C-alpha atoms as a PDB file:
ATOM      1  CA  MET A   1       0.037   0.004  -0.046  1.00  0.00           C
ATOM      2  CA  ASN A   2       1.516   3.445  -1.007  1.00  0.00           C
ATOM      3  CA  ILE A   3       0.437   5.921   1.471  1.00  0.00           C
ATOM      4  CA  ARG A   4       1.998   8.777  -0.533  1.00  0.00           C
ATOM      5  CA  LEU A   5      -0.235   8.212  -3.528  1.00  0.00           C
ATOM      6  CA  LYS A   6      -3.315   8.343  -1.251  1.00  0.00           C
ATOM      7  CA  THR A   7      -2.058  11.659   0.403  1.00  0.00           C
ATOM      8  CA  GLU A   8      -1.490  13.088  -3.173  1.00  0.00           C
ATOM      9  CA  GLU A   9      -5.100  12.102  -4.049  1.00  0.00           C
ATOM     10  CA  ILE A  10      -6.425  13.697  -0.924  1.00  0.00           C
ATOM     11  CA  GLU A  11      -4.576  16.933  -1.843  1.00  0.00           C
ATOM     12  CA  ARG A  12      -6.104  16.966  -5.278  1.00  0.00           C
ATOM     13  CA  ILE A  13      -9.495  16.588  -3.697  1.00  0.00           C
ATOM     14  CA  ILE A  14      -9.665  18.916  -0.747  1.00  0.00           C
ATOM     15  CA  LEU A  15      -6.979  21.716  -1.647  1.00  0.00           C
ATOM     16  CA  SER A  16      -7.750  25.063  -3.296  1.00  0.00           C
ATOM     17  CA  LYS A  17      -7.224  25.345  -7.017  1.00  0.00           C
ATOM     18  CA  TYR A  18      -4.500  27.801  -6.089  1.00  0.00           C
ATOM     19  CA  ALA A  19      -2.587  25.424  -3.777  1.00  0.00           C
ATOM     20  CA  THR A  20       0.584  23.744  -4.851  1.00  0.00           C
ATOM     21  CA  LEU A  21       0.006  19.906  -5.085  1.00  0.00           C
ATOM     22  CA  SER A  22       2.786  17.726  -4.056  1.00  0.00           C
ATOM     23  CA  SER A  23       2.250  15.576  -7.120  1.00  0.00           C
ATOM     24  CA  ASN A  24       2.895  18.773  -9.222  1.00  0.00           C
ATOM     25  CA  SER A  25       6.203  19.658  -7.781  1.00  0.00           C
ATOM     26  CA  LYS A  26       8.874  20.714 -10.289  1.00  0.00           C
ATOM     27  CA  GLY A  27      11.311  18.316  -8.540  1.00  0.00           C
ATOM     28  CA  ARG A  28      14.793  18.321  -7.091  1.00  0.00           C
ATOM     29  CA  LYS A  29      18.140  19.120  -8.469  1.00  0.00           C
ATOM     30  CA  SER A  30      19.109  15.297  -8.192  1.00  0.00           C
ATOM     31  CA  GLN A  31      16.375  12.732  -8.918  1.00  0.00           C
ATOM     32  CA  GLU A  32      15.443  10.506  -6.060  1.00  0.00           C
ATOM     33  CA  GLU A  33      13.194   7.579  -5.685  1.00  0.00           C
ATOM     34  CA  LYS A  34       9.945   8.622  -4.035  1.00  0.00           C
ATOM     35  CA  CYS A  35       9.055   7.831  -0.463  1.00  0.00           C
ATOM     36  CA  GLN A  36       6.159   5.330  -0.150  1.00  0.00           C
ATOM     37  CA  VAL A  37       4.847   7.226   2.970  1.00  0.00           C
ATOM     38  CA  ARG A  38       5.646  10.925   2.738  1.00  0.00           C
ATOM     39  CA  THR A  39       5.122  13.453  -0.029  1.00  0.00           C
ATOM     40  CA  ASP A  40       8.158  15.377  -1.414  1.00  0.00           C
ATOM     41  CA  PHE A  41       7.148  18.380   0.709  1.00  0.00           C
ATOM     42  CA  GLN A  42       6.830  16.253   3.835  1.00  0.00           C
ATOM     43  CA  ARG A  43      10.344  14.866   3.270  1.00  0.00           C
ATOM     44  CA  ASP A  44      11.701  18.383   2.870  1.00  0.00           C
ATOM     45  CA  ARG A  45      10.197  19.495   6.128  1.00  0.00           C
ATOM     46  CA  ASP A  46      11.642  16.351   7.751  1.00  0.00           C
ATOM     47  CA  ARG A  47      15.049  16.995   6.421  1.00  0.00           C
ATOM     48  CA  ILE A  48      15.110  20.666   7.519  1.00  0.00           C
ATOM     49  CA  LEU A  49      13.939  19.695  10.993  1.00  0.00           C
ATOM     50  CA  HIS A  50      16.773  17.093  11.371  1.00  0.00           C
ATOM     51  CA  SER A  51      19.392  19.345  10.006  1.00  0.00           C
ATOM     52  CA  LYS A  52      22.445  20.722  12.129  1.00  0.00           C
ATOM     53  CA  ALA A  53      21.567  24.279  10.999  1.00  0.00           C
ATOM     54  CA  PHE A  54      18.189  24.159  12.298  1.00  0.00           C
ATOM     55  CA  ARG A  55      19.400  22.926  15.823  1.00  0.00           C
ATOM     56  CA  ARG A  56      21.797  25.747  15.936  1.00  0.00           C
ATOM     57  CA  LEU A  57      19.064  28.236  15.633  1.00  0.00           C
ATOM     58  CA  LYS A  58      18.166  27.713  19.521  1.00  0.00           C
ATOM     59  CA  HIS A  59      21.538  29.568  20.439  1.00  0.00           C
ATOM     60  CA  LYS A  60      21.032  32.374  17.810  1.00  0.00           C
ATOM     61  CA  THR A  61      19.744  35.805  18.624  1.00  0.00           C
ATOM     62  CA  GLN A  62      16.458  37.088  17.586  1.00  0.00           C
ATOM     63  CA  VAL A  63      16.457  40.796  18.623  1.00  0.00           C
ATOM     64  CA  PHE A  64      18.259  40.955  22.079  1.00  0.00           C
ATOM     65  CA  ILE A  65      21.907  39.723  22.341  1.00  0.00           C
ATOM     66  CA  ALA A  66      22.549  37.423  25.172  1.00  0.00           C
ATOM     67  CA  PRO A  67      19.408  38.498  27.100  1.00  0.00           C
ATOM     68  CA  GLU A  68      19.072  37.598  30.956  1.00  0.00           C
ATOM     69  CA  GLY A  69      15.950  35.422  30.951  1.00  0.00           C
ATOM     70  CA  ASP A  70      14.628  32.267  29.431  1.00  0.00           C
ATOM     71  CA  HIS A  71      11.458  33.689  27.959  1.00  0.00           C
ATOM     72  CA  TYR A  72      13.090  35.871  25.244  1.00  0.00           C
ATOM     73  CA  ARG A  73      12.830  34.636  21.687  1.00  0.00           C
ATOM     74  CA  THR A  74      15.639  33.015  19.872  1.00  0.00           C
ATOM     75  CA  ARG A  75      15.760  32.416  16.319  1.00  0.00           C
ATOM     76  CA  LEU A  76      14.506  28.895  16.749  1.00  0.00           C
ATOM     77  CA  THR A  77      11.443  29.995  18.746  1.00  0.00           C
ATOM     78  CA  HIS A  78      10.703  32.550  16.052  1.00  0.00           C
ATOM     79  CA  THR A  79      10.897  29.901  13.431  1.00  0.00           C
ATOM     80  CA  LEU A  80       8.502  27.922  15.311  1.00  0.00           C
ATOM     81  CA  GLU A  81       6.129  30.778  15.768  1.00  0.00           C
ATOM     82  CA  VAL A  82       6.174  31.414  11.907  1.00  0.00           C
ATOM     83  CA  ALA A  83       5.555  27.970  11.217  1.00  0.00           C
ATOM     84  CA  GLN A  84       2.513  27.878  13.449  1.00  0.00           C
ATOM     85  CA  ILE A  85       1.123  31.088  11.888  1.00  0.00           C
ATOM     86  CA  SER A  86       1.882  29.817   8.510  1.00  0.00           C
ATOM     87  CA  ARG A  87       0.124  26.511   9.019  1.00  0.00           C
ATOM     88  CA  THR A  88      -2.933  28.227  10.459  1.00  0.00           C
ATOM     89  CA  LEU A  89      -3.335  30.504   7.405  1.00  0.00           C
ATOM     90  CA  ALA A  90      -2.565  27.562   4.971  1.00  0.00           C
ATOM     91  CA  ARG A  91      -5.192  25.344   6.473  1.00  0.00           C
ATOM     92  CA  ALA A  92      -7.818  27.939   6.429  1.00  0.00           C
ATOM     93  CA  LEU A  93      -6.981  28.870   2.894  1.00  0.00           C
ATOM     94  CA  ARG A  94      -6.715  25.228   1.855  1.00  0.00           C
ATOM     95  CA  LEU A  95      -3.200  25.668   0.593  1.00  0.00           C
ATOM     96  CA  ASN A  96      -0.517  22.802   1.051  1.00  0.00           C
ATOM     97  CA  GLU A  97       0.371  22.836   4.678  1.00  0.00           C
ATOM     98  CA  ASP A  98       3.432  20.691   4.207  1.00  0.00           C
ATOM     99  CA  LEU A  99       4.969  23.001   1.784  1.00  0.00           C
ATOM    100  CA  THR A 100       4.144  26.011   3.981  1.00  0.00           C
ATOM    101  CA  GLU A 101       5.669  24.386   7.014  1.00  0.00           C
ATOM    102  CA  ALA A 102       8.809  23.252   5.289  1.00  0.00           C
ATOM    103  CA  ILE A 103       9.475  26.837   3.963  1.00  0.00           C
ATOM    104  CA  ALA A 104       8.692  28.260   7.424  1.00  0.00           C
ATOM    105  CA  LEU A 105      11.112  25.954   9.134  1.00  0.00           C
ATOM    106  CA  GLY A 106      14.066  26.651   6.651  1.00  0.00           C
ATOM    107  CA  HIS A 107      13.475  30.453   6.058  1.00  0.00           C
ATOM    108  CA  ASP A 108      16.181  31.610   8.615  1.00  0.00           C
ATOM    109  CA  LEU A 109      18.606  28.791   8.668  1.00  0.00           C
ATOM    110  CA  GLY A 110      21.161  31.220   7.129  1.00  0.00           C
ATOM    111  CA  HIS A 111      20.931  33.710   9.800  1.00  0.00           C
ATOM    112  CA  THR A 112      24.239  34.553  11.612  1.00  0.00           C
ATOM    113  CA  ALA A 113      25.017  34.823  15.325  1.00  0.00           C
ATOM    114  CA  PHE A 114      24.030  38.144  16.942  1.00  0.00           C
ATOM    115  CA  GLY A 115      20.887  38.533  14.630  1.00  0.00           C
ATOM    116  CA  HIS A 116      20.726  41.148  11.954  1.00  0.00           C
ATOM    117  CA  ILE A 117      23.880  42.885  13.341  1.00  0.00           C
ATOM    118  CA  GLY A 118      25.887  39.672  12.504  1.00  0.00           C
ATOM    119  CA  GLU A 119      24.194  39.774   9.020  1.00  0.00           C
ATOM    120  CA  SER A 120      25.237  43.566   8.543  1.00  0.00           C
ATOM    121  CA  ALA A 121      28.788  42.851   9.582  1.00  0.00           C
ATOM    122  CA  LEU A 122      29.336  39.901   7.232  1.00  0.00           C
ATOM    123  CA  ASN A 123      27.688  41.936   4.412  1.00  0.00           C
ATOM    124  CA  GLU A 124      30.381  44.547   4.697  1.00  0.00           C
ATOM    125  CA  LEU A 125      33.225  42.149   5.202  1.00  0.00           C
ATOM    126  CA  HIS A 126      32.384  39.516   2.483  1.00  0.00           C
ATOM    127  CA  PRO A 127      33.244  40.588  -1.206  1.00  0.00           C
ATOM    128  CA  GLY A 128      30.038  39.221  -2.470  1.00  0.00           C
ATOM    129  CA  GLY A 129      27.881  40.802   0.363  1.00  0.00           C
ATOM    130  CA  PHE A 130      25.679  38.667   2.788  1.00  0.00           C
ATOM    131  CA  ARG A 131      22.069  38.264   2.889  1.00  0.00           C
ATOM    132  CA  HIS A 132      20.443  35.784   5.273  1.00  0.00           C
ATOM    133  CA  ASN A 133      17.787  34.587   2.820  1.00  0.00           C
ATOM    134  CA  GLU A 134      20.568  33.824   0.145  1.00  0.00           C
ATOM    135  CA  GLN A 135      22.576  32.057   2.849  1.00  0.00           C
ATOM    136  CA  SER A 136      19.492  29.896   4.034  1.00  0.00           C
ATOM    137  CA  LEU A 137      19.283  28.583   0.388  1.00  0.00           C
ATOM    138  CA  LYS A 138      22.968  27.941   0.386  1.00  0.00           C
ATOM    139  CA  VAL A 139      22.680  26.049   3.601  1.00  0.00           C
ATOM    140  CA  VAL A 140      20.157  23.628   2.162  1.00  0.00           C
ATOM    141  CA  ASP A 141      21.734  23.375  -1.122  1.00  0.00           C
ATOM    142  CA  TYR A 142      25.298  22.895  -0.073  1.00  0.00           C
ATOM    143  CA  LEU A 143      26.359  23.499   3.528  1.00  0.00           C
ATOM    144  CA  GLU A 144      24.395  20.725   5.008  1.00  0.00           C
ATOM    145  CA  HIS A 145      26.491  17.899   3.722  1.00  0.00           C
ATOM    146  CA  ASN A 146      27.929  14.570   4.795  1.00  0.00           C
ATOM    147  CA  GLU A 147      30.217  12.118   3.250  1.00  0.00           C
ATOM    148  CA  ASP A 148      27.614  10.792   1.018  1.00  0.00           C
ATOM    149  CA  LYS A 149      25.678  13.852  -0.118  1.00  0.00           C
ATOM    150  CA  ILE A 150      26.075  17.511  -0.558  1.00  0.00           C
ATOM    151  CA  GLY A 151      22.897  19.405   0.411  1.00  0.00           C
ATOM    152  CA  LEU A 152      19.438  18.400   1.370  1.00  0.00           C
ATOM    153  CA  ASN A 153      18.402  18.272  -2.056  1.00  0.00           C
ATOM    154  CA  LEU A 154      15.089  19.936  -1.448  1.00  0.00           C
ATOM    155  CA  THR A 155      12.364  20.558  -3.974  1.00  0.00           C
ATOM    156  CA  TYR A 156      12.226  23.698  -6.179  1.00  0.00           C
ATOM    157  CA  GLU A 157       9.141  25.087  -4.398  1.00  0.00           C
ATOM    158  CA  VAL A 158      10.643  24.955  -0.899  1.00  0.00           C
ATOM    159  CA  ARG A 159      14.032  26.469  -2.118  1.00  0.00           C
ATOM    160  CA  GLU A 160      12.374  29.174  -3.834  1.00  0.00           C
ATOM    161  CA  GLY A 161      10.042  29.976  -0.987  1.00  0.00           C
ATOM    162  CA  ILE A 162      13.136  29.983   1.375  1.00  0.00           C
ATOM    163  CA  LEU A 163      15.004  32.493  -0.897  1.00  0.00           C
ATOM    164  CA  ASN A 164      12.156  34.828  -1.231  1.00  0.00           C
ATOM    165  CA  HIS A 165      10.703  35.049   2.113  1.00  0.00           C
ATOM    166  CA  THR A 166      12.239  38.366   2.303  1.00  0.00           C
ATOM    167  CA  GLY A 167      13.472  40.913  -0.259  1.00  0.00           C
ATOM    168  CA  LYS A 168      11.972  42.370  -3.426  1.00  0.00           C
ATOM    169  CA  ASN A 169      11.166  39.174  -5.043  1.00  0.00           C
ATOM    170  CA  ILE A 170       7.709  37.578  -4.302  1.00  0.00           C
ATOM    171  CA  PRO A 171       7.555  33.771  -3.914  1.00  0.00           C
ATOM    172  CA  GLN A 172       5.957  31.961  -6.831  1.00  0.00           C
ATOM    173  CA  THR A 173       3.630  29.854  -4.750  1.00  0.00           C
ATOM    174  CA  LEU A 174       0.904  31.056  -2.385  1.00  0.00           C
ATOM    175  CA  GLU A 175       2.504  28.862   0.178  1.00  0.00           C
ATOM    176  CA  GLY A 176       5.697  30.902   0.005  1.00  0.00           C
ATOM    177  CA  CYS A 177       3.669  34.155   0.158  1.00  0.00           C
ATOM    178  CA  THR A 178       1.903  32.957   3.358  1.00  0.00           C
ATOM    179  CA  VAL A 179       5.230  32.536   4.997  1.00  0.00           C
ATOM    180  CA  ARG A 180       6.294  35.768   3.904  1.00  0.00           C
ATOM    181  CA  ARG A 181       3.258  37.255   5.653  1.00  0.00           C
ATOM    182  CA  ALA A 182       3.550  34.984   8.671  1.00  0.00           C
ATOM    183  CA  ASP A 183       7.142  35.949   9.193  1.00  0.00           C
ATOM    184  CA  ARG A 184       6.156  39.610   9.554  1.00  0.00           C
ATOM    185  CA  ILE A 185       3.188  39.062  11.751  1.00  0.00           C
ATOM    186  CA  ALA A 186       5.329  36.967  14.212  1.00  0.00           C
ATOM    187  CA  TYR A 187       8.344  39.256  14.528  1.00  0.00           C
ATOM    188  CA  ILE A 188       6.488  42.386  14.932  1.00  0.00           C
ATOM    189  CA  ASN A 189       4.181  40.983  17.631  1.00  0.00           C
ATOM    190  CA  HIS A 190       6.891  38.760  19.482  1.00  0.00           C
ATOM    191  CA  ASP A 191       9.390  41.541  19.382  1.00  0.00           C
ATOM    192  CA  ILE A 192       6.848  43.866  21.120  1.00  0.00           C
ATOM    193  CA  ASP A 193       6.398  41.224  23.722  1.00  0.00           C
ATOM    194  CA  ASP A 194      10.038  40.995  24.329  1.00  0.00           C
ATOM    195  CA  ALA A 195      10.612  44.742  24.424  1.00  0.00           C
ATOM    196  CA  ILE A 196       8.001  45.099  27.003  1.00  0.00           C
ATOM    197  CA  ARG A 197       9.570  42.199  28.934  1.00  0.00           C
ATOM    198  CA  ALA A 198      12.860  43.992  28.622  1.00  0.00           C
ATOM    199  CA  LYS A 199      11.283  47.405  29.728  1.00  0.00           C
ATOM    200  CA  ILE A 200      12.469  48.910  26.747  1.00  0.00           C
ATOM    201  CA  ILE A 201       8.823  50.067  25.981  1.00  0.00           C
ATOM    202  CA  SER A 202       5.634  49.571  27.965  1.00  0.00           C
ATOM    203  CA  LYS A 203       2.085  48.726  26.695  1.00  0.00           C
ATOM    204  CA  GLU A 204       1.180  52.311  26.976  1.00  0.00           C
ATOM    205  CA  ASP A 205       3.755  53.442  24.503  1.00  0.00           C
ATOM    206  CA  LEU A 206       2.288  51.471  21.733  1.00  0.00           C
ATOM    207  CA  PRO A 207       0.335  53.777  19.183  1.00  0.00           C
ATOM    208  CA  LYS A 208      -3.132  53.908  20.387  1.00  0.00           C
ATOM    209  CA  ASP A 209      -4.870  53.886  17.122  1.00  0.00           C
ATOM    210  CA  CYS A 210      -2.978  50.631  16.019  1.00  0.00           C
ATOM    211  CA  ILE A 211      -3.986  49.134  19.332  1.00  0.00           C
ATOM    212  CA  GLU A 212      -7.654  50.136  18.911  1.00  0.00           C
ATOM    213  CA  VAL A 213      -7.863  48.347  15.571  1.00  0.00           C
ATOM    214  CA  LEU A 214      -5.486  45.297  15.897  1.00  0.00           C
ATOM    215  CA  GLY A 215      -6.003  44.701  19.563  1.00  0.00           C
ATOM    216  CA  LYS A 216      -4.559  45.348  22.964  1.00  0.00           C
ATOM    217  CA  GLY A 217      -3.024  42.014  23.833  1.00  0.00           C
ATOM    218  CA  HIS A 218      -0.280  39.901  21.956  1.00  0.00           C
ATOM    219  CA  GLY A 219      -2.692  37.075  20.886  1.00  0.00           C
ATOM    220  CA  ASP A 220      -5.408  39.604  20.006  1.00  0.00           C
ATOM    221  CA  ARG A 221      -3.031  41.417  17.491  1.00  0.00           C
ATOM    222  CA  ILE A 222      -1.943  38.155  15.833  1.00  0.00           C
ATOM    223  CA  ASN A 223      -5.580  36.766  15.677  1.00  0.00           C
ATOM    224  CA  THR A 224      -6.622  40.085  14.024  1.00  0.00           C
ATOM    225  CA  MET A 225      -4.011  40.001  11.325  1.00  0.00           C
ATOM    226  CA  ILE A 226      -4.549  36.279  10.732  1.00  0.00           C
ATOM    227  CA  ILE A 227      -8.202  36.747  10.372  1.00  0.00           C
ATOM    228  CA  ASP A 228      -7.839  39.511   7.991  1.00  0.00           C
ATOM    229  CA  ILE A 229      -5.603  37.773   5.620  1.00  0.00           C
ATOM    230  CA  ILE A 230      -7.925  34.970   5.482  1.00  0.00           C
ATOM    231  CA  GLN A 231     -10.836  37.006   4.904  1.00  0.00           C
ATOM    232  CA  ASN A 232      -8.951  38.836   2.120  1.00  0.00           C
ATOM    233  CA  SER A 233      -7.263  35.732   0.571  1.00  0.00           C
ATOM    234  CA  LEU A 234      -9.642  32.995   0.589  1.00  0.00           C
ATOM    235  CA  ASP A 235     -10.280  31.518  -2.844  1.00  0.00           C
ATOM    236  CA  LYS A 236      -8.110  34.182  -4.462  1.00  0.00           C
ATOM    237  CA  ASN A 237      -4.664  33.926  -6.222  1.00  0.00           C
ATOM    238  CA  GLU A 238      -2.825  36.235  -3.703  1.00  0.00           C
ATOM    239  CA  ILE A 239      -2.282  36.566  -0.219  1.00  0.00           C
ATOM    240  CA  SER A 240      -3.066  39.984   1.254  1.00  0.00           C
ATOM    241  CA  MET A 241      -4.481  42.159   4.088  1.00  0.00           C
ATOM    242  CA  SER A 242      -7.114  44.668   3.952  1.00  0.00           C
ATOM    243  CA  GLU A 243      -5.784  48.182   3.403  1.00  0.00           C
ATOM    244  CA  GLU A 244      -6.785  49.294   7.033  1.00  0.00           C
ATOM    245  CA  ILE A 245      -5.133  46.401   8.667  1.00  0.00           C
ATOM    246  CA  GLU A 246      -1.965  46.617   6.268  1.00  0.00           C
ATOM    247  CA  ARG A 247      -1.641  50.261   7.245  1.00  0.00           C
ATOM    248  CA  PHE A 248      -1.828  49.821  10.977  1.00  0.00           C
ATOM    249  CA  THR A 249       0.531  46.722  10.951  1.00  0.00           C
ATOM    250  CA  GLU A 250       3.145  48.927   8.997  1.00  0.00           C
ATOM    251  CA  LYS A 251       2.865  51.621  11.503  1.00  0.00           C
ATOM    252  CA  LEU A 252       3.338  49.215  14.308  1.00  0.00           C
ATOM    253  CA  ARG A 253       6.441  48.040  12.444  1.00  0.00           C
ATOM    254  CA  ASP A 254       7.651  51.534  11.927  1.00  0.00           C
ATOM    255  CA  PHE A 255       7.233  52.122  15.737  1.00  0.00           C
ATOM    256  CA  MET A 256       9.324  49.104  16.468  1.00  0.00           C
ATOM    257  CA  PHE A 257      12.041  50.225  14.191  1.00  0.00           C
ATOM    258  CA  ASP A 258      12.106  53.862  15.941  1.00  0.00           C
ATOM    259  CA  ARG A 259      11.738  52.580  19.630  1.00  0.00           C
ATOM    260  CA  VAL A 260      13.287  49.019  19.529  1.00  0.00           C
ATOM    261  CA  TYR A 261      15.280  47.902  16.705  1.00  0.00           C
ATOM    262  CA  LEU A 262      17.374  51.295  16.447  1.00  0.00           C
ATOM    263  CA  ASN A 263      17.220  51.926  20.201  1.00  0.00           C
ATOM    264  CA  LYS A 264      20.562  53.134  21.561  1.00  0.00           C
ATOM    265  CA  ASN A 265      20.143  50.879  24.727  1.00  0.00           C
ATOM    266  CA  VAL A 266      19.432  47.757  22.488  1.00  0.00           C
ATOM    267  CA  LYS A 267      22.173  48.501  20.354  1.00  0.00           C
ATOM    268  CA  SER A 268      24.668  49.146  23.170  1.00  0.00           C
ATOM    269  CA  GLU A 269      26.166  45.671  22.831  1.00  0.00           C
ATOM    270  CA  GLU A 270      26.015  45.436  19.040  1.00  0.00           C
ATOM    271  CA  GLU A 271      29.391  47.223  18.275  1.00  0.00           C
ATOM    272  CA  LYS A 272      31.025  44.522  20.497  1.00  0.00           C
ATOM    273  CA  ALA A 273      29.197  41.693  18.589  1.00  0.00           C
ATOM    274  CA  LYS A 274      30.224  43.441  15.221  1.00  0.00           C
ATOM    275  CA  TYR A 275      33.996  43.721  16.553  1.00  0.00           C
ATOM    276  CA  ILE A 276      33.944  39.994  17.351  1.00  0.00           C
ATOM    277  CA  ILE A 277      32.769  39.051  13.821  1.00  0.00           C
ATOM    278  CA  LYS A 278      35.239  41.382  12.053  1.00  0.00           C
ATOM    279  CA  GLU A 279      38.185  40.053  13.946  1.00  0.00           C
ATOM    280  CA  LEU A 280      37.411  36.543  13.480  1.00  0.00           C
ATOM    281  CA  TYR A 281      36.878  37.041   9.735  1.00  0.00           C
ATOM    282  CA  LYS A 282      40.274  38.558   9.515  1.00  0.00           C
ATOM    283  CA  TYR A 283      41.893  35.967  11.620  1.00  0.00           C
ATOM    284  CA  PHE A 284      40.529  33.006   9.853  1.00  0.00           C
ATOM    285  CA  LEU A 285      41.146  34.704   6.407  1.00  0.00           C
ATOM    286  CA  LYS A 286      44.827  34.983   7.532  1.00  0.00           C
ATOM    287  CA  TYR A 287      45.156  31.619   9.332  1.00  0.00           C
ATOM    288  CA  ASP A 288      42.732  29.594   7.413  1.00  0.00           C
ATOM    289  CA  TYR A 289      44.450  26.339   8.153  1.00  0.00           C
ATOM    290  CA  LYS A 290      43.185  26.715  11.733  1.00  0.00           C
ATOM    291  CA  LEU A 291      39.602  26.194  10.328  1.00  0.00           C
ATOM    292  CA  PRO A 292      38.335  22.626  11.124  1.00  0.00           C
ATOM    293  CA  TYR A 293      39.710  20.051   8.745  1.00  0.00           C
ATOM    294  CA  GLU A 294      36.486  18.813   7.472  1.00  0.00           C
ATOM    295  CA  HIS A 295      35.317  22.500   6.709  1.00  0.00           C
ATOM    296  CA  ARG A 296      38.497  23.031   4.835  1.00  0.00           C
ATOM    297  CA  LYS A 297      38.244  19.782   2.904  1.00  0.00           C
ATOM    298  CA  PHE A 298      34.759  20.471   1.733  1.00  0.00           C
ATOM    299  CA  TYR A 299      35.808  23.853   0.239  1.00  0.00           C
ATOM    300  CA  SER A 300      38.934  22.444  -1.439  1.00  0.00           C
ATOM    301  CA  GLU A 301      36.641  19.901  -3.248  1.00  0.00           C
ATOM    302  CA  ASN A 302      33.964  22.319  -4.364  1.00  0.00           C
ATOM    303  CA  ASP A 303      33.941  25.670  -6.245  1.00  0.00           C
ATOM    304  CA  PHE A 304      34.117  28.132  -3.376  1.00  0.00           C
ATOM    305  CA  THR A 305      36.655  30.998  -2.496  1.00  0.00           C
ATOM    306  CA  LYS A 306      38.572  31.361   0.648  1.00  0.00           C
ATOM    307  CA  GLU A 307      36.354  34.266   1.584  1.00  0.00           C
ATOM    308  CA  ASP A 308      33.275  31.975   1.127  1.00  0.00           C
ATOM    309  CA  MET A 309      34.881  29.325   3.324  1.00  0.00           C
ATOM    310  CA  VAL A 310      35.398  31.838   6.212  1.00  0.00           C
ATOM    311  CA  CYS A 311      32.230  33.728   5.883  1.00  0.00           C
ATOM    312  CA  ASP A 312      30.182  30.468   5.870  1.00  0.00           C
ATOM    313  CA  TYR A 313      31.988  29.276   8.910  1.00  0.00           C
ATOM    314  CA  ILE A 314      31.337  32.288  10.846  1.00  0.00           C
ATOM    315  CA  ALA A 315      27.728  32.589   9.590  1.00  0.00           C
ATOM    316  CA  GLY A 316      26.927  29.083  10.978  1.00  0.00           C
ATOM    317  CA  MET A 317      28.165  29.942  14.484  1.00  0.00           C
ATOM    318  CA  SER A 318      25.733  30.382  17.505  1.00  0.00           C
ATOM    319  CA  ASP A 319      26.246  33.366  19.675  1.00  0.00           C
ATOM    320  CA  ARG A 320      27.684  31.158  22.486  1.00  0.00           C
ATOM    321  CA  TYR A 321      29.892  29.313  20.106  1.00  0.00           C
ATOM    322  CA  ILE A 322      31.356  32.476  18.305  1.00  0.00           C
ATOM    323  CA  THR A 323      32.016  34.120  21.877  1.00  0.00           C
ATOM    324  CA  ASN A 324      33.978  31.005  22.946  1.00  0.00           C
ATOM    325  CA  ILE A 325      35.979  30.968  19.758  1.00  0.00           C
ATOM    326  CA  PHE A 326      36.844  34.646  20.130  1.00  0.00           C
ATOM    327  CA  TYR A 327      37.880  34.185  23.719  1.00  0.00           C
ATOM    328  CA  ASN A 328      39.911  31.149  23.143  1.00  0.00           C
ATOM    329  CA  ILE A 329      41.778  33.036  20.215  1.00  0.00           C
ATOM    330  CA  PHE A 330      42.307  36.548  21.430  1.00  0.00           C
ATOM    331  CA  ILE A 331      41.964  36.455  25.302  1.00  0.00           C
ATOM    332  CA  PRO A 332      45.152  35.624  27.203  1.00  0.00           C
ATOM    333  CA  LYS A 333      44.765  32.289  29.432  1.00  0.00           C
ATOM    334  CA  PRO A 334      46.103  32.669  32.939  1.00  0.00           C
ATOM    335  CA  TRP A 335      49.377  30.835  33.543  1.00  0.00           C
ATOM    336  CA  GLU A 336      48.996  27.293  35.293  1.00  0.00           C
ATOM    337  CA  LYS A 337      51.600  25.193  36.805  1.00  0.00           C
ATOM    338  CA  TYR A 338      51.563  21.708  35.753  1.00  0.00           C
END
């Protein structure tokens, strides 16, 4: 009995005519024998979930660098919130939940340590620039490798959705567009929650007109945005908000940039973080033989520059790991008598 074929048949019956069917996938870079149980998009989701890059997200900054407290978001918890919102939208709109979830789980795999400040630092240092969405695609295409296989060999639809979850290009599938919307809903609202917890802002600081329309509480605002997208996108070939909700969502985002993301107190540690990345980048360019052997071996056998090798190594580090590496290289150790 082939469970996958039954699942694909169910998709054809119940999903919207605008949904992306697993059976209609454009396929993978390298052809593989199909699974008898899981659809192609389910396999992609599982490959991302079991990857090393996904596990490292738990120790990567979302907004606040090295926060004191267990309740602040990390890049991993952000990813899980995006996946939850994406699946809620996909199910209501009768889109492909498995494709949506795979894109959501993979969208931030390329993020650096120290959040966007790390991305900014590597963008200045690396000759080709650095953008986390492009790095996320590079992670699933090449950097997640073992002795037998290079990359996760994901489907075209998942790869394209990961690449275009941010930036000027809009995803080609509605599932990709759903993740793009969910990403913004998630970070605006959970960053408000974290900023209030950190006492950078208070509930009273939030724009009153936004709160009156979107809701007073964290869950209320997320629910308002989700319901609005569903009402404006159901049985349509686009994922959109109403003009009013879009306007107040963007106003709330602008407020967060002004009061939180560009706040001097929030950014007080960012120069230190940028310094760590810059010094390690210069150090490993000069002493590239000190990079792990397996890392050097992979780049010697593939078409990448030394700058790529160093940039990818640093980009993959968690906050804790990069701090320890910097300490071990640059901080003198106390003398010990043996």
